Amino acid sequence: MILGGAMIIGFSAFKGAEAYAGKKLDPVTIYFHGDETSSSQVSSAFRWTTTPNGESCNDVDLMACSQVVDQTDLISSSRLDSTKIQLGATPTSGGNFIPSKAGGSSSTPFSPTNRG
């Protein structure tokens, strides 16, 4: 039941984003590959790709893990384009970082799923 509610909210968020952006979104998940204790790595677009990282991204905001972006926010359909979504890094407990949106030209809603 909780999963169903989360799915409805998630779909609704994309529906609203589509109306705001004026186009249909083609969502894709990108994954963090790096050291969660390094703010420069978490904020580096080079470290975010479509290749799964083998982590359980469980939405506990302690460490960077994955995020949903639009296909047009990627370079060569595999890596985050830093001109579209510029990332920052927000510190969490334990000396780790999670991504934050710092700028860029994309109208895609910022949608990270971090891990604990």
PDB file of N, CA and C in Angstrom:
ATOM      1  N   MET A   1       0.810  -1.172   0.000  1.00  0.00           N
ATOM      2  CA  MET A   1       0.000   0.000   0.000  1.00  0.00           C
ATOM      3  C   MET A   1       0.870   1.258   0.000  1.00  0.00           C
ATOM      4  N   ILE A   2       1.933   1.257   0.786  1.00  0.00           N
ATOM      5  CA  ILE A   2       2.860   2.387   0.823  1.00  0.00           C
ATOM      6  C   ILE A   2       3.544   2.542  -0.531  1.00  0.00           C
ATOM      7  N   LEU A   3       3.958   1.419  -1.115  1.00  0.00           N
ATOM      8  CA  LEU A   3       4.602   1.457  -2.429  1.00  0.00           C
ATOM      9  C   LEU A   3       3.649   2.036  -3.468  1.00  0.00           C
ATOM     10  N   GLY A   4       2.403   1.645  -3.413  1.00  0.00           N
ATOM     11  CA  GLY A   4       1.404   2.166  -4.347  1.00  0.00           C
ATOM     12  C   GLY A   4       1.247   3.671  -4.215  1.00  0.00           C
ATOM     13  N   GLY A   5       1.213   4.138  -2.990  1.00  0.00           N
ATOM     14  CA  GLY A   5       1.110   5.579  -2.748  1.00  0.00           C
ATOM     15  C   GLY A   5       2.325   6.325  -3.267  1.00  0.00           C
ATOM     16  N   ALA A   6       3.504   5.755  -3.045  1.00  0.00           N
ATOM     17  CA  ALA A   6       4.738   6.374  -3.531  1.00  0.00           C
ATOM     18  C   ALA A   6       4.760   6.426  -5.055  1.00  0.00           C
ATOM     19  N   MET A   7       4.244   5.358  -5.680  1.00  0.00           N
ATOM     20  CA  MET A   7       4.205   5.335  -7.146  1.00  0.00           C
ATOM     21  C   MET A   7       3.263   6.415  -7.676  1.00  0.00           C
ATOM     22  N   ILE A   8       2.132   6.593  -7.045  1.00  0.00           N
ATOM     23  CA  ILE A   8       1.176   7.617  -7.476  1.00  0.00           C
ATOM     24  C   ILE A   8       1.796   9.002  -7.347  1.00  0.00           C
ATOM     25  N   ILE A   9       2.438   9.252  -6.230  1.00  0.00           N
ATOM     26  CA  ILE A   9       3.094  10.544  -6.017  1.00  0.00           C
ATOM     27  C   ILE A   9       4.188  10.745  -7.055  1.00  0.00           C
ATOM     28  N   GLY A  10       4.990   9.708  -7.303  1.00  0.00           N
ATOM     29  CA  GLY A  10       6.070   9.815  -8.292  1.00  0.00           C
ATOM     30  C   GLY A  10       5.537  10.105  -9.674  1.00  0.00           C
ATOM     31  N   PHE A  11       4.502   9.393 -10.088  1.00  0.00           N
ATOM     32  CA  PHE A  11       3.918   9.626 -11.409  1.00  0.00           C
ATOM     33  C   PHE A  11       3.314  11.020 -11.487  1.00  0.00           C
ATOM     34  N   SER A  12       2.697  11.463 -10.403  1.00  0.00           N
ATOM     35  CA  SER A  12       2.097  12.792 -10.384  1.00  0.00           C
ATOM     36  C   SER A  12       3.169  13.868 -10.513  1.00  0.00           C
ATOM     37  N   ALA A  13       4.315  13.653  -9.879  1.00  0.00           N
ATOM     38  CA  ALA A  13       5.411  14.617  -9.973  1.00  0.00           C
ATOM     39  C   ALA A  13       5.877  14.764 -11.407  1.00  0.00           C
ATOM     40  N   PHE A  14       5.996  13.647 -12.127  1.00  0.00           N
ATOM     41  CA  PHE A  14       6.424  13.723 -13.519  1.00  0.00           C
ATOM     42  C   PHE A  14       5.344  14.345 -14.388  1.00  0.00           C
ATOM     43  N   LYS A  15       4.076  14.082 -14.088  1.00  0.00           N
ATOM     44  CA  LYS A  15       2.976  14.665 -14.848  1.00  0.00           C
ATOM     45  C   LYS A  15       3.024  16.178 -14.697  1.00  0.00           C
ATOM     46  N   GLY A  16       3.231  16.656 -13.474  1.00  0.00           N
ATOM     47  CA  GLY A  16       3.339  18.091 -13.235  1.00  0.00           C
ATOM     48  C   GLY A  16       4.569  18.679 -13.902  1.00  0.00           C
ATOM     49  N   ALA A  17       5.660  17.947 -13.889  1.00  0.00           N
ATOM     50  CA  ALA A  17       6.895  18.412 -14.524  1.00  0.00           C
ATOM     51  C   ALA A  17       6.715  18.507 -16.030  1.00  0.00           C
ATOM     52  N   GLU A  18       5.962  17.567 -16.594  1.00  0.00           N
ATOM     53  CA  GLU A  18       5.707  17.607 -18.031  1.00  0.00           C
ATOM     54  C   GLU A  18       4.950  18.874 -18.394  1.00  0.00           C
ATOM     55  N   ALA A  19       3.965  19.219 -17.612  1.00  0.00           N
ATOM     56  CA  ALA A  19       3.186  20.424 -17.881  1.00  0.00           C
ATOM     57  C   ALA A  19       4.059  21.663 -17.736  1.00  0.00           C
ATOM     58  N   TYR A  20       4.902  21.689 -16.712  1.00  0.00           N
ATOM     59  CA  TYR A  20       5.794  22.822 -16.461  1.00  0.00           C
ATOM     60  C   TYR A  20       6.830  22.955 -17.574  1.00  0.00           C
ATOM     61  N   ALA A  21       7.420  21.849 -17.998  1.00  0.00           N
ATOM     62  CA  ALA A  21       8.468  21.872 -19.010  1.00  0.00           C
ATOM     63  C   ALA A  21       7.908  22.039 -20.418  1.00  0.00           C
ATOM     64  N   GLY A  22       6.630  21.751 -20.588  1.00  0.00           N
ATOM     65  CA  GLY A  22       6.024  21.876 -21.897  1.00  0.00           C
ATOM     66  C   GLY A  22       6.375  20.727 -22.825  1.00  0.00           C
ATOM     67  N   LYS A  23       6.871  19.633 -22.293  1.00  0.00           N
ATOM     68  CA  LYS A  23       7.219  18.468 -23.100  1.00  0.00           C
ATOM     69  C   LYS A  23       7.073  17.221 -22.252  1.00  0.00           C
ATOM     70  N   LYS A  24       6.980  16.090 -22.896  1.00  0.00           N
ATOM     71  CA  LYS A  24       6.897  14.822 -22.186  1.00  0.00           C
ATOM     72  C   LYS A  24       8.305  14.431 -21.727  1.00  0.00           C
ATOM     73  N   LEU A  25       8.446  14.099 -20.456  1.00  0.00           N
ATOM     74  CA  LEU A  25       9.739  13.696 -19.926  1.00  0.00           C
ATOM     75  C   LEU A  25      10.020  12.229 -20.231  1.00  0.00           C
ATOM     76  N   ASP A  26      11.260  11.935 -20.497  1.00  0.00           N
ATOM     77  CA  ASP A  26      11.712  10.573 -20.733  1.00  0.00           C
ATOM     78  C   ASP A  26      12.682  10.245 -19.597  1.00  0.00           C
ATOM     79  N   PRO A  27      12.164   9.828 -18.414  1.00  0.00           N
ATOM     80  CA  PRO A  27      13.014   9.659 -17.243  1.00  0.00           C
ATOM     81  C   PRO A  27      13.988   8.492 -17.362  1.00  0.00           C
ATOM     82  N   VAL A  28      15.166   8.707 -16.810  1.00  0.00           N
ATOM     83  CA  VAL A  28      16.199   7.683 -16.753  1.00  0.00           C
ATOM     84  C   VAL A  28      16.909   7.835 -15.402  1.00  0.00           C
ATOM     85  N   THR A  29      17.318   6.725 -14.815  1.00  0.00           N
ATOM     86  CA  THR A  29      18.029   6.764 -13.532  1.00  0.00           C
ATOM     87  C   THR A  29      19.524   6.781 -13.781  1.00  0.00           C
ATOM     88  N   ILE A  30      20.210   7.690 -13.096  1.00  0.00           N
ATOM     89  CA  ILE A  30      21.669   7.720 -13.130  1.00  0.00           C
ATOM     90  C   ILE A  30      22.176   7.404 -11.725  1.00  0.00           C
ATOM     91  N   TYR A  31      23.360   6.828 -11.665  1.00  0.00           N
ATOM     92  CA  TYR A  31      23.907   6.323 -10.401  1.00  0.00           C
ATOM     93  C   TYR A  31      25.250   6.975 -10.096  1.00  0.00           C
ATOM     94  N   PHE A  32      25.504   7.159  -8.803  1.00  0.00           N
ATOM     95  CA  PHE A  32      26.764   7.748  -8.354  1.00  0.00           C
ATOM     96  C   PHE A  32      27.850   6.684  -8.263  1.00  0.00           C
ATOM     97  N   HIS A  33      29.016   7.000  -8.813  1.00  0.00           N
ATOM     98  CA  HIS A  33      30.191   6.132  -8.755  1.00  0.00           C
ATOM     99  C   HIS A  33      31.340   6.959  -8.185  1.00  0.00           C
ATOM    100  N   GLY A  34      31.559   6.830  -6.901  1.00  0.00           N
ATOM    101  CA  GLY A  34      32.622   7.602  -6.276  1.00  0.00           C
ATOM    102  C   GLY A  34      32.582   7.465  -4.772  1.00  0.00           C
ATOM    103  N   ASP A  35      33.274   8.390  -4.128  1.00  0.00           N
ATOM    104  CA  ASP A  35      33.427   8.408  -2.678  1.00  0.00           C
ATOM    105  C   ASP A  35      32.399   9.372  -2.076  1.00  0.00           C
ATOM    106  N   GLU A  36      31.464   8.839  -1.306  1.00  0.00           N
ATOM    107  CA  GLU A  36      30.406   9.656  -0.710  1.00  0.00           C
ATOM    108  C   GLU A  36      30.933  10.644   0.319  1.00  0.00           C
ATOM    109  N   THR A  37      32.194  10.491   0.760  1.00  0.00           N
ATOM    110  CA  THR A  37      32.769  11.419   1.728  1.00  0.00           C
ATOM    111  C   THR A  37      33.487  12.577   1.038  1.00  0.00           C
ATOM    112  N   SER A  38      33.450  12.617  -0.279  1.00  0.00           N
ATOM    113  CA  SER A  38      34.114  13.674  -1.052  1.00  0.00           C
ATOM    114  C   SER A  38      33.064  14.569  -1.710  1.00  0.00           C
ATOM    115  N   SER A  39      32.981  15.810  -1.265  1.00  0.00           N
ATOM    116  CA  SER A  39      32.005  16.732  -1.846  1.00  0.00           C
ATOM    117  C   SER A  39      32.288  16.977  -3.322  1.00  0.00           C
ATOM    118  N   SER A  40      33.568  17.017  -3.698  1.00  0.00           N
ATOM    119  CA  SER A  40      33.905  17.261  -5.111  1.00  0.00           C
ATOM    120  C   SER A  40      33.491  16.093  -5.995  1.00  0.00           C
ATOM    121  N   GLN A  41      33.531  14.861  -5.471  1.00  0.00           N
ATOM    122  CA  GLN A  41      33.099  13.717  -6.268  1.00  0.00           C
ATOM    123  C   GLN A  41      31.571  13.666  -6.378  1.00  0.00           C
ATOM    124  N   VAL A  42      30.862  13.943  -5.276  1.00  0.00           N
ATOM    125  CA  VAL A  42      29.401  13.924  -5.312  1.00  0.00           C
ATOM    126  C   VAL A  42      28.882  14.997  -6.272  1.00  0.00           C
ATOM    127  N   SER A  43      29.537  16.138  -6.347  1.00  0.00           N
ATOM    128  CA  SER A  43      29.083  17.228  -7.207  1.00  0.00           C
ATOM    129  C   SER A  43      29.631  17.141  -8.633  1.00  0.00           C
ATOM    130  N   SER A  44      30.428  16.134  -8.934  1.00  0.00           N
ATOM    131  CA  SER A  44      30.999  15.971 -10.272  1.00  0.00           C
ATOM    132  C   SER A  44      30.046  15.227 -11.203  1.00  0.00           C
ATOM    133  N   ALA A  45      29.628  15.857 -12.294  1.00  0.00           N
ATOM    134  CA  ALA A  45      28.730  15.220 -13.268  1.00  0.00           C
ATOM    135  C   ALA A  45      29.368  13.965 -13.848  1.00  0.00           C
ATOM    136  N   PHE A  46      30.679  13.930 -13.931  1.00  0.00           N
ATOM    137  CA  PHE A  46      31.408  12.780 -14.471  1.00  0.00           C
ATOM    138  C   PHE A  46      31.141  11.511 -13.665  1.00  0.00           C
ATOM    139  N   ARG A  47      30.828  11.661 -12.368  1.00  0.00           N
ATOM    140  CA  ARG A  47      30.614  10.521 -11.466  1.00  0.00           C
ATOM    141  C   ARG A  47      29.193   9.960 -11.522  1.00  0.00           C
ATOM    142  N   TRP A  48      28.288  10.563 -12.309  1.00  0.00           N
ATOM    143  CA  TRP A  48      26.887  10.157 -12.382  1.00  0.00           C
ATOM    144  C   TRP A  48      26.608   9.589 -13.769  1.00  0.00           C
ATOM    145  N   THR A  49      26.388   8.262 -13.842  1.00  0.00           N
ATOM    146  CA  THR A  49      26.152   7.601 -15.124  1.00  0.00           C
ATOM    147  C   THR A  49      24.956   6.651 -15.042  1.00  0.00           C
ATOM    148  N   THR A  50      24.560   6.129 -16.184  1.00  0.00           N
ATOM    149  CA  THR A  50      23.430   5.194 -16.235  1.00  0.00           C
ATOM    150  C   THR A  50      23.818   3.780 -15.818  1.00  0.00           C
ATOM    151  N   THR A  51      25.103   3.542 -15.581  1.00  0.00           N
ATOM    152  CA  THR A  51      25.567   2.225 -15.140  1.00  0.00           C
ATOM    153  C   THR A  51      25.210   2.024 -13.665  1.00  0.00           C
ATOM    154  N   PRO A  52      24.434   0.988 -13.323  1.00  0.00           N
ATOM    155  CA  PRO A  52      24.092   0.751 -11.914  1.00  0.00           C
ATOM    156  C   PRO A  52      25.344   0.626 -11.042  1.00  0.00           C
ATOM    157  N   ASN A  53      25.232   1.105  -9.807  1.00  0.00           N
ATOM    158  CA  ASN A  53      26.381   1.095  -8.900  1.00  0.00           C
ATOM    159  C   ASN A  53      26.351  -0.066  -7.904  1.00  0.00           C
ATOM    160  N   GLY A  54      25.339  -0.921  -7.968  1.00  0.00           N
ATOM    161  CA  GLY A  54      25.270  -2.078  -7.079  1.00  0.00           C
ATOM    162  C   GLY A  54      24.843  -1.759  -5.661  1.00  0.00           C
ATOM    163  N   GLU A  55      24.462  -0.506  -5.402  1.00  0.00           N
ATOM    164  CA  GLU A  55      24.036  -0.101  -4.061  1.00  0.00           C
ATOM    165  C   GLU A  55      22.522  -0.190  -3.941  1.00  0.00           C
ATOM    166  N   SER A  56      22.038  -0.273  -2.710  1.00  0.00           N
ATOM    167  CA  SER A  56      20.609  -0.252  -2.452  1.00  0.00           C
ATOM    168  C   SER A  56      20.211   1.195  -2.158  1.00  0.00           C
ATOM    169  N   CYS A  57      19.717   1.880  -3.170  1.00  0.00           N
ATOM    170  CA  CYS A  57      19.305   3.275  -3.013  1.00  0.00           C
ATOM    171  C   CYS A  57      17.946   3.280  -2.324  1.00  0.00           C
ATOM    172  N   ASN A  58      17.943   3.535  -1.001  1.00  0.00           N
ATOM    173  CA  ASN A  58      16.753   3.341  -0.185  1.00  0.00           C
ATOM    174  C   ASN A  58      16.131   4.630   0.332  1.00  0.00           C
ATOM    175  N   ASP A  59      16.550   5.768  -0.199  1.00  0.00           N
ATOM    176  CA  ASP A  59      15.982   7.069   0.144  1.00  0.00           C
ATOM    177  C   ASP A  59      16.228   7.481   1.586  1.00  0.00           C
ATOM    178  N   VAL A  60      17.269   6.955   2.202  1.00  0.00           N
ATOM    179  CA  VAL A  60      17.718   7.434   3.503  1.00  0.00           C
ATOM    180  C   VAL A  60      18.826   8.440   3.190  1.00  0.00           C
ATOM    181  N   ASP A  61      18.609   9.708   3.504  1.00  0.00           N
ATOM    182  CA  ASP A  61      19.501  10.772   3.042  1.00  0.00           C
ATOM    183  C   ASP A  61      20.828  10.866   3.791  1.00  0.00           C
ATOM    184  N   LEU A  62      21.645   9.814   3.649  1.00  0.00           N
ATOM    185  CA  LEU A  62      22.964   9.830   4.284  1.00  0.00           C
ATOM    186  C   LEU A  62      24.114   9.802   3.287  1.00  0.00           C
ATOM    187  N   MET A  63      23.925   9.151   2.125  1.00  0.00           N
ATOM    188  CA  MET A  63      24.989   9.033   1.127  1.00  0.00           C
ATOM    189  C   MET A  63      24.409   9.111  -0.279  1.00  0.00           C
ATOM    190  N   ALA A  64      25.161   9.701  -1.199  1.00  0.00           N
ATOM    191  CA  ALA A  64      24.733   9.803  -2.596  1.00  0.00           C
ATOM    192  C   ALA A  64      24.532   8.416  -3.185  1.00  0.00           C
ATOM    193  N   CYS A  65      23.512   8.245  -4.030  1.00  0.00           N
ATOM    194  CA  CYS A  65      23.271   6.932  -4.632  1.00  0.00           C
ATOM    195  C   CYS A  65      22.753   7.029  -6.068  1.00  0.00           C
ATOM    196  N   SER A  66      21.586   7.635  -6.285  1.00  0.00           N
ATOM    197  CA  SER A  66      21.033   7.709  -7.640  1.00  0.00           C
ATOM    198  C   SER A  66      20.132   8.934  -7.757  1.00  0.00           C
ATOM    199  N   GLN A  67      19.736   9.234  -8.982  1.00  0.00           N
ATOM    200  CA  GLN A  67      18.753  10.282  -9.222  1.00  0.00           C
ATOM    201  C   GLN A  67      18.084  10.054 -10.565  1.00  0.00           C
ATOM    202  N   VAL A  68      16.876  10.550 -10.671  1.00  0.00           N
ATOM    203  CA  VAL A  68      16.115  10.430 -11.913  1.00  0.00           C
ATOM    204  C   VAL A  68      16.234  11.749 -12.663  1.00  0.00           C
ATOM    205  N   VAL A  69      16.616  11.658 -13.934  1.00  0.00           N
ATOM    206  CA  VAL A  69      16.748  12.830 -14.791  1.00  0.00           C
ATOM    207  C   VAL A  69      16.034  12.551 -16.111  1.00  0.00           C
ATOM    208  N   ASP A  70      15.926  13.550 -16.943  1.00  0.00           N
ATOM    209  CA  ASP A  70      15.374  13.369 -18.272  1.00  0.00           C
ATOM    210  C   ASP A  70      16.496  12.913 -19.203  1.00  0.00           C
ATOM    211  N   GLN A  71      16.166  12.138 -20.209  1.00  0.00           N
ATOM    212  CA  GLN A  71      17.155  11.647 -21.176  1.00  0.00           C
ATOM    213  C   GLN A  71      17.952  12.813 -21.783  1.00  0.00           C
ATOM    214  N   THR A  72      17.313  13.964 -21.953  1.00  0.00           N
ATOM    215  CA  THR A  72      17.996  15.119 -22.549  1.00  0.00           C
ATOM    216  C   THR A  72      19.008  15.764 -21.601  1.00  0.00           C
ATOM    217  N   ASP A  73      19.041  15.338 -20.332  1.00  0.00           N
ATOM    218  CA  ASP A  73      20.008  15.862 -19.365  1.00  0.00           C
ATOM    219  C   ASP A  73      21.327  15.088 -19.379  1.00  0.00           C
ATOM    220  N   LEU A  74      21.453  14.155 -20.308  1.00  0.00           N
ATOM    221  CA  LEU A  74      22.641  13.308 -20.389  1.00  0.00           C
ATOM    222  C   LEU A  74      23.495  13.644 -21.598  1.00  0.00           C
ATOM    223  N   ILE A  75      24.774  13.333 -21.497  1.00  0.00           N
ATOM    224  CA  ILE A  75      25.707  13.402 -22.619  1.00  0.00           C
ATOM    225  C   ILE A  75      25.841  11.984 -23.152  1.00  0.00           C
ATOM    226  N   SER A  76      25.692  11.821 -24.436  1.00  0.00           N
ATOM    227  CA  SER A  76      25.806  10.505 -25.087  1.00  0.00           C
ATOM    228  C   SER A  76      24.910   9.463 -24.434  1.00  0.00           C
ATOM    229  N   SER A  77      23.804   9.892 -23.861  1.00  0.00           N
ATOM    230  CA  SER A  77      22.817   9.005 -23.227  1.00  0.00           C
ATOM    231  C   SER A  77      23.374   8.156 -22.097  1.00  0.00           C
ATOM    232  N   SER A  78      24.509   8.555 -21.511  1.00  0.00           N
ATOM    233  CA  SER A  78      25.049   7.725 -20.441  1.00  0.00           C
ATOM    234  C   SER A  78      25.616   8.503 -19.250  1.00  0.00           C
ATOM    235  N   ARG A  79      25.891   9.792 -19.390  1.00  0.00           N
ATOM    236  CA  ARG A  79      26.509  10.558 -18.304  1.00  0.00           C
ATOM    237  C   ARG A  79      25.811  11.906 -18.163  1.00  0.00           C
ATOM    238  N   LEU A  80      25.694  12.380 -16.926  1.00  0.00           N
ATOM    239  CA  LEU A  80      25.039  13.649 -16.642  1.00  0.00           C
ATOM    240  C   LEU A  80      25.765  14.807 -17.334  1.00  0.00           C
ATOM    241  N   ASP A  81      25.003  15.669 -17.967  1.00  0.00           N
ATOM    242  CA  ASP A  81      25.532  16.872 -18.620  1.00  0.00           C
ATOM    243  C   ASP A  81      25.533  18.003 -17.597  1.00  0.00           C
ATOM    244  N   SER A  82      26.709  18.486 -17.223  1.00  0.00           N
ATOM    245  CA  SER A  82      26.821  19.500 -16.174  1.00  0.00           C
ATOM    246  C   SER A  82      26.275  20.859 -16.602  1.00  0.00           C
ATOM    247  N   THR A  83      26.040  21.075 -17.903  1.00  0.00           N
ATOM    248  CA  THR A  83      25.414  22.324 -18.316  1.00  0.00           C
ATOM    249  C   THR A  83      23.905  22.263 -18.113  1.00  0.00           C
ATOM    250  N   LYS A  84      23.361  21.047 -18.098  1.00  0.00           N
ATOM    251  CA  LYS A  84      21.922  20.867 -17.897  1.00  0.00           C
ATOM    252  C   LYS A  84      21.579  20.820 -16.410  1.00  0.00           C
ATOM    253  N   ILE A  85      22.325  20.022 -15.636  1.00  0.00           N
ATOM    254  CA  ILE A  85      22.125  19.941 -14.181  1.00  0.00           C
ATOM    255  C   ILE A  85      23.493  20.073 -13.512  1.00  0.00           C
ATOM    256  N   GLN A  86      23.681  21.202 -12.864  1.00  0.00           N
ATOM    257  CA  GLN A  86      24.916  21.435 -12.113  1.00  0.00           C
ATOM    258  C   GLN A  86      24.658  20.998 -10.679  1.00  0.00           C
ATOM    259  N   LEU A  87      25.520  20.118 -10.170  1.00  0.00           N
ATOM    260  CA  LEU A  87      25.317  19.557  -8.838  1.00  0.00           C
ATOM    261  C   LEU A  87      26.144  20.253  -7.777  1.00  0.00           C
ATOM    262  N   GLY A  88      25.583  20.283  -6.581  1.00  0.00           N
ATOM    263  CA  GLY A  88      26.295  20.674  -5.389  1.00  0.00           C
ATOM    264  C   GLY A  88      26.350  19.455  -4.487  1.00  0.00           C
ATOM    265  N   ALA A  89      26.926  19.604  -3.303  1.00  0.00           N
ATOM    266  CA  ALA A  89      27.013  18.497  -2.348  1.00  0.00           C
ATOM    267  C   ALA A  89      26.638  19.014  -0.965  1.00  0.00           C
ATOM    268  N   THR A  90      25.629  18.390  -0.383  1.00  0.00           N
ATOM    269  CA  THR A  90      25.140  18.773   0.941  1.00  0.00           C
ATOM    270  C   THR A  90      25.674  17.775   1.965  1.00  0.00           C
ATOM    271  N   PRO A  91      26.345  18.266   3.028  1.00  0.00           N
ATOM    272  CA  PRO A  91      26.884  17.347   4.039  1.00  0.00           C
ATOM    273  C   PRO A  91      25.778  16.695   4.859  1.00  0.00           C
ATOM    274  N   THR A  92      26.019  15.448   5.262  1.00  0.00           N
ATOM    275  CA  THR A  92      25.106  14.712   6.132  1.00  0.00           C
ATOM    276  C   THR A  92      25.904  14.215   7.337  1.00  0.00           C
ATOM    277  N   SER A  93      25.221  13.516   8.230  1.00  0.00           N
ATOM    278  CA  SER A  93      25.920  12.980   9.393  1.00  0.00           C
ATOM    279  C   SER A  93      26.934  11.929   8.962  1.00  0.00           C
ATOM    280  N   GLY A  94      27.973  11.772   9.705  1.00  0.00           N
ATOM    281  CA  GLY A  94      28.983  10.765   9.404  1.00  0.00           C
ATOM    282  C   GLY A  94      30.001  11.213   8.378  1.00  0.00           C
ATOM    283  N   GLY A  95      29.987  12.493   7.999  1.00  0.00           N
ATOM    284  CA  GLY A  95      30.976  13.002   7.052  1.00  0.00           C
ATOM    285  C   GLY A  95      30.702  12.649   5.605  1.00  0.00           C
ATOM    286  N   ASN A  96      29.467  12.291   5.277  1.00  0.00           N
ATOM    287  CA  ASN A  96      29.101  11.954   3.904  1.00  0.00           C
ATOM    288  C   ASN A  96      28.421  13.140   3.235  1.00  0.00           C
ATOM    289  N   PHE A  97      28.143  12.991   1.923  1.00  0.00           N
ATOM    290  CA  PHE A  97      27.471  14.037   1.160  1.00  0.00           C
ATOM    291  C   PHE A  97      26.372  13.433   0.295  1.00  0.00           C
ATOM    292  N   ILE A  98      25.341  14.243   0.057  1.00  0.00           N
ATOM    293  CA  ILE A  98      24.282  13.893  -0.888  1.00  0.00           C
ATOM    294  C   ILE A  98      24.219  15.014  -1.927  1.00  0.00           C
ATOM    295  N   PRO A  99      23.718  14.707  -3.131  1.00  0.00           N
ATOM    296  CA  PRO A  99      23.682  15.734  -4.165  1.00  0.00           C
ATOM    297  C   PRO A  99      22.579  16.760  -3.928  1.00  0.00           C
ATOM    298  N   SER A 100      22.837  17.960  -4.407  1.00  0.00           N
ATOM    299  CA  SER A 100      21.843  19.021  -4.422  1.00  0.00           C
ATOM    300  C   SER A 100      21.950  19.700  -5.782  1.00  0.00           C
ATOM    301  N   LYS A 101      20.890  20.311  -6.226  1.00  0.00           N
ATOM    302  CA  LYS A 101      20.932  20.997  -7.524  1.00  0.00           C
ATOM    303  C   LYS A 101      21.446  22.403  -7.305  1.00  0.00           C
ATOM    304  N   ALA A 102      22.535  22.759  -7.997  1.00  0.00           N
ATOM    305  CA  ALA A 102      23.162  24.055  -7.835  1.00  0.00           C
ATOM    306  C   ALA A 102      22.919  24.979  -9.022  1.00  0.00           C
ATOM    307  N   GLY A 103      22.347  24.435 -10.094  1.00  0.00           N
ATOM    308  CA  GLY A 103      22.095  25.269 -11.269  1.00  0.00           C
ATOM    309  C   GLY A 103      21.942  24.414 -12.507  1.00  0.00           C
ATOM    310  N   GLY A 104      22.043  25.055 -13.659  1.00  0.00           N
ATOM    311  CA  GLY A 104      21.916  24.363 -14.928  1.00  0.00           C
ATOM    312  C   GLY A 104      20.660  24.784 -15.664  1.00  0.00           C
ATOM    313  N   SER A 105      20.576  24.423 -16.935  1.00  0.00           N
ATOM    314  CA  SER A 105      19.473  24.867 -17.788  1.00  0.00           C
ATOM    315  C   SER A 105      18.283  23.917 -17.818  1.00  0.00           C
ATOM    316  N   SER A 106      18.382  22.760 -17.188  1.00  0.00           N
ATOM    317  CA  SER A 106      17.302  21.776 -17.228  1.00  0.00           C
ATOM    318  C   SER A 106      16.123  22.194 -16.355  1.00  0.00           C
ATOM    319  N   SER A 107      14.911  21.893 -16.858  1.00  0.00           N
ATOM    320  CA  SER A 107      13.719  22.143 -16.050  1.00  0.00           C
ATOM    321  C   SER A 107      13.242  20.854 -15.367  1.00  0.00           C
ATOM    322  N   THR A 108      14.046  19.787 -15.469  1.00  0.00           N
ATOM    323  CA  THR A 108      13.712  18.515 -14.833  1.00  0.00           C
ATOM    324  C   THR A 108      13.685  18.697 -13.305  1.00  0.00           C
ATOM    325  N   PRO A 109      12.629  18.253 -12.638  1.00  0.00           N
ATOM    326  CA  PRO A 109      12.600  18.332 -11.173  1.00  0.00           C
ATOM    327  C   PRO A 109      13.764  17.535 -10.579  1.00  0.00           C
ATOM    328  N   PHE A 110      14.420  18.096  -9.581  1.00  0.00           N
ATOM    329  CA  PHE A 110      15.553  17.397  -8.955  1.00  0.00           C
ATOM    330  C   PHE A 110      15.008  16.260  -8.121  1.00  0.00           C
ATOM    331  N   SER A 111      15.438  15.031  -8.416  1.00  0.00           N
ATOM    332  CA  SER A 111      14.850  13.845  -7.799  1.00  0.00           C
ATOM    333  C   SER A 111      15.920  12.803  -7.407  1.00  0.00           C
ATOM    334  N   PRO A 112      16.731  13.103  -6.360  1.00  0.00           N
ATOM    335  CA  PRO A 112      17.713  12.119  -5.925  1.00  0.00           C
ATOM    336  C   PRO A 112      17.103  11.057  -5.023  1.00  0.00           C
ATOM    337  N   THR A 113      17.669   9.859  -5.053  1.00  0.00           N
ATOM    338  CA  THR A 113      17.348   8.801  -4.097  1.00  0.00           C
ATOM    339  C   THR A 113      18.676   8.415  -3.463  1.00  0.00           C
ATOM    340  N   ASN A 114      18.853   8.813  -2.227  1.00  0.00           N
ATOM    341  CA  ASN A 114      20.119   8.569  -1.534  1.00  0.00           C
ATOM    342  C   ASN A 114      20.030   7.243  -0.787  1.00  0.00           C
ATOM    343  N   ARG A 115      21.056   6.929  -0.032  1.00  0.00           N
ATOM    344  CA  ARG A 115      21.056   5.665   0.710  1.00  0.00           C
ATOM    345  C   ARG A 115      21.575   5.904   2.118  1.00  0.00           C
ATOM    346  N   GLY A 116      21.338   4.914   2.971  1.00  0.00           N
ATOM    347  CA  GLY A 116      21.732   5.016   4.368  1.00  0.00           C
ATOM    348  C   GLY A 116      22.951   4.234   4.704  1.00  0.00           C
TER     349      GLY A 116
END
